[in-house]
Amino acid sequence: MIGATIAFQIQRILSTVSTAMRGGHLMIDNFTDFCETRGLMYLTDGYMDDVLAWLVVALGIYFQLFLVTSLPFIIKLVVLPLFLLEWLLTTLISTV
């Protein structure tokens, strides 16, 4: 059960990094296309778009991993049933 719990935590971190990378690059690619249609070509020249994409990726990972625990109390109270359901499902799957 301990090994399954550790595996679930590792998978959660891997999924967080993967979705942050995908979302960050999609956001900057679409912003770059928007700037090109407006005639602003400075973002597509050089490495500026890559730097911005990795900045967005880093912020996405930080928000998903560390700021979820610092939500206001009322939001934690509203989302508590979902957290309990997730914990129950993780525990049931790891015992099978």
Protein backbone atom coordinates (compact mmCIF):
# COMPACT_ATOMS: atom_id res chain seq x y z
CA MET A 1 0.00 0.00 0.00
CA ILE A 2 2.88 2.35 0.76
CA GLY A 3 4.50 1.59 -2.60
CA ALA A 4 1.26 2.26 -4.46
CA THR A 5 0.83 5.55 -2.62
CA ILE A 6 4.37 6.59 -3.57
CA ALA A 7 3.71 5.56 -7.18
CA PHE A 8 0.53 7.66 -7.26
CA GLN A 9 2.41 10.70 -5.94
CA ILE A 10 5.15 10.28 -8.53
CA GLN A 11 2.54 9.94 -11.28
CA ARG A 12 0.78 13.07 -10.01
CA ILE A 13 4.03 15.05 -10.25
CA LEU A 14 4.79 13.67 -13.74
CA SER A 15 1.28 14.58 -14.91
CA THR A 16 1.65 18.07 -13.46
CA VAL A 17 4.91 18.66 -15.29
CA SER A 18 3.54 17.23 -18.53
CA THR A 19 0.37 19.33 -18.52
CA ALA A 20 2.27 22.47 -17.54
CA MET A 21 4.71 21.96 -20.41
CA ARG A 22 1.95 21.32 -22.92
CA GLY A 23 -0.17 24.24 -21.73
CA GLY A 24 2.73 26.69 -21.55
CA HIS A 25 3.91 25.94 -25.05
CA LEU A 26 0.36 26.01 -26.46
CA MET A 27 -0.27 29.38 -24.84
CA ILE A 28 2.92 30.98 -26.15
CA ASP A 29 2.50 29.42 -29.64
CA ASN A 30 -1.02 30.86 -29.91
CA PHE A 31 0.16 34.22 -28.57
CA THR A 32 2.95 34.20 -31.16
CA ASP A 33 0.41 33.52 -33.93
CA PHE A 34 -1.75 36.36 -32.60
CA CYS A 35 1.22 38.73 -32.63
CA GLU A 36 2.10 37.71 -36.19
CA THR A 37 -1.41 38.56 -37.39
CA ARG A 38 -1.06 41.98 -35.78
CA GLY A 39 2.34 42.57 -37.40
CA LEU A 40 4.36 42.29 -34.18
CA MET A 41 7.25 40.13 -35.32
CA TYR A 42 9.63 40.75 -32.40
CA LEU A 43 8.29 37.77 -30.46
CA THR A 44 9.03 35.32 -33.25
CA ASP A 45 12.60 36.52 -33.74
CA GLY A 46 15.24 34.70 -31.70
CA TYR A 47 14.56 32.84 -28.50
CA MET A 48 12.05 35.19 -26.88
CA ASP A 49 9.11 32.84 -27.43
CA ASP A 50 11.01 29.88 -25.95
CA VAL A 51 12.02 31.87 -22.89
CA LEU A 52 8.43 33.00 -22.33
CA ALA A 53 7.14 29.45 -22.82
CA TRP A 54 9.50 28.03 -20.21
CA LEU A 55 8.60 30.84 -17.82
CA VAL A 56 4.92 29.97 -18.20
CA VAL A 57 5.78 26.28 -17.73
CA ALA A 58 7.67 27.02 -14.51
CA LEU A 59 4.80 29.12 -13.19
CA GLY A 60 2.30 26.39 -14.09
CA ILE A 61 4.29 23.74 -12.22
CA TYR A 62 4.68 26.03 -9.21
CA PHE A 63 0.97 26.87 -9.07
CA GLN A 64 -0.15 23.26 -9.48
CA LEU A 65 2.25 21.74 -6.97
CA PHE A 66 2.57 24.37 -4.26
CA LEU A 67 -0.29 26.87 -4.34
CA VAL A 68 -3.15 24.36 -4.22
CA THR A 69 -2.39 23.80 -0.54
CA SER A 70 -2.65 27.53 0.24
CA LEU A 71 -6.21 27.98 -0.96
CA PRO A 72 -8.58 30.02 1.22
CA PHE A 73 -10.48 28.03 3.85
CA ILE A 74 -13.89 28.44 2.20
CA ILE A 75 -12.63 26.98 -1.09
CA LYS A 76 -11.00 24.09 0.78
CA LEU A 77 -14.29 23.46 2.55
CA VAL A 78 -16.25 23.40 -0.72
CA VAL A 79 -13.73 21.08 -2.42
CA LEU A 80 -13.29 18.79 0.63
CA PRO A 81 -15.71 16.10 -0.66
CA LEU A 82 -13.71 15.85 -3.90
CA PHE A 83 -10.42 15.52 -1.99
CA LEU A 84 -11.97 12.80 0.18
CA LEU A 85 -13.30 10.99 -2.89
CA GLU A 86 -9.88 11.15 -4.54
CA TRP A 87 -8.24 9.80 -1.37
CA LEU A 88 -10.80 6.98 -1.15
CA LEU A 89 -10.37 5.98 -4.79
CA THR A 90 -6.56 6.07 -4.49
CA THR A 91 -6.71 3.90 -1.38
CA LEU A 92 -9.14 1.41 -2.93
CA ILE A 93 -7.10 1.08 -6.12
CA SER A 94 -3.85 0.62 -4.23
CA THR A 95 -5.28 -2.21 -2.13
CA VAL A 96 -6.45 -4.24 -5.12
